[in-house]
Protein backbone atom coordinates (compact mmCIF):
# COMPACT_ATOMS: atom_id res chain seq x y z
CA PRO A 1 152.53 -43.60 -68.85
CA CYS A 2 155.11 -42.69 -71.56
CA HIS A 3 154.39 -39.52 -73.90
CA ARG A 4 157.36 -39.28 -75.53
CA ARG A 5 156.70 -39.68 -79.96
CA PRO A 6 158.04 -42.20 -81.74
CA ALA A 7 161.33 -40.52 -84.01
CA GLY A 8 159.51 -40.07 -87.74
CA TYR A 9 156.20 -39.39 -86.27
CA LEU A 10 154.47 -36.26 -87.67
CA THR A 11 151.46 -33.96 -86.59
CA PHE A 12 150.19 -31.80 -88.69
CA ASP A 13 147.96 -29.71 -85.89
CA PRO A 14 147.74 -25.92 -86.88
CA LYS A 15 146.64 -25.28 -83.03
CA GLN A 16 149.38 -27.08 -81.57
CA SER A 17 151.38 -25.49 -78.87
CA SER A 18 155.00 -24.48 -80.40
CA ASP A 19 155.58 -25.49 -76.51
CA ALA A 20 155.94 -28.85 -75.66
CA GLY A 21 155.06 -30.78 -72.85
CA ALA A 22 157.97 -31.99 -70.43
CA GLY A 23 160.94 -29.75 -71.70
CA GLU A 24 160.59 -31.96 -74.76
CA ALA A 25 161.12 -29.63 -77.93
CA VAL A 26 158.72 -29.47 -81.02
CA ALA A 27 160.26 -30.25 -84.15
CA ARG A 28 159.67 -27.13 -87.06
CA ARG A 29 158.91 -28.65 -89.87
CA PRO A 30 158.03 -27.22 -93.30
CA PRO A 31 154.13 -26.53 -94.43
CA PHE A 32 152.26 -29.50 -96.17
CA ARG A 33 151.67 -29.70 -99.82
CA ASP A 34 149.59 -32.90 -100.14
CA ALA A 35 147.25 -34.34 -98.25
CA ILE A 36 145.32 -37.40 -97.74
CA VAL A 37 142.16 -37.15 -96.01
CA ILE A 38 139.85 -40.89 -95.56
CA THR A 39 136.99 -41.43 -93.40
CA ILE A 40 136.19 -44.96 -92.22
CA GLY A 41 132.42 -44.79 -92.73
CA GLY A 42 130.23 -41.73 -94.26
CA GLY A 43 131.36 -38.88 -95.77
CA SER A 44 129.76 -35.75 -97.25
CA TYR A 45 129.88 -33.56 -100.32
CA LEU A 46 130.23 -30.61 -97.22
CA GLU A 47 133.44 -32.39 -95.74
CA TYR A 48 134.89 -32.05 -99.35
CA GLN A 49 133.91 -28.65 -100.10
CA ASN A 50 135.54 -27.44 -96.82
CA LEU A 51 138.78 -29.41 -98.08
CA GLN A 52 138.57 -27.40 -101.42
CA ASP A 53 137.74 -24.18 -100.21
CA TYR A 54 140.90 -24.74 -96.73
CA ALA A 55 143.23 -25.56 -100.07
CA ALA A 56 142.44 -22.64 -102.16
CA GLN A 57 143.03 -20.54 -99.29
CA ASN A 58 146.77 -20.47 -100.48
CA GLN A 59 147.91 -20.60 -97.16
CA GLY A 60 151.46 -19.73 -96.34
CA GLY A 61 151.72 -18.64 -99.93
CA SER A 62 151.41 -22.61 -101.29
CA ALA A 63 149.85 -24.68 -103.10
CA LYS A 64 148.04 -26.70 -101.34
CA ARG A 65 146.32 -30.65 -103.15
CA ILE A 66 143.71 -32.73 -100.93
CA VAL A 67 142.40 -36.07 -102.04
CA TYR A 68 139.50 -36.61 -100.06
CA GLY A 69 138.26 -40.55 -100.02
CA CYS A 70 135.17 -42.49 -97.76
CA THR A 71 134.35 -45.45 -97.22
CA GLU A 72 130.40 -44.90 -98.43
CA LEU A 73 129.20 -41.02 -99.58
CA LEU A 74 126.13 -40.15 -98.44
CA THR A 75 123.29 -37.29 -99.01
CA GLY A 76 122.04 -35.41 -96.39
CA SER A 77 118.88 -37.58 -95.85
CA GLU A 78 120.75 -40.90 -95.84
CA PHE A 79 122.82 -39.50 -92.65
CA LEU A 80 120.05 -38.53 -90.94
CA ALA A 81 118.01 -41.59 -91.37
């Protein structure tokens, strides 16, 4: 299998190792400021609140703006049903 990333493909994984596999260098990117998070299926207010809390932490000295969307917004009771 081919493990090369296409040119222009970005990974925003904060846990990503700075060591790349197979001798491939990981490009350093500036921290993101804007993000759109979409959940296909049921989303919840807790997920939204967690994203807002993360954005409010002001990591790296730049404010983050996160937009959250889902195809269906569920309450806890609806999720468990």
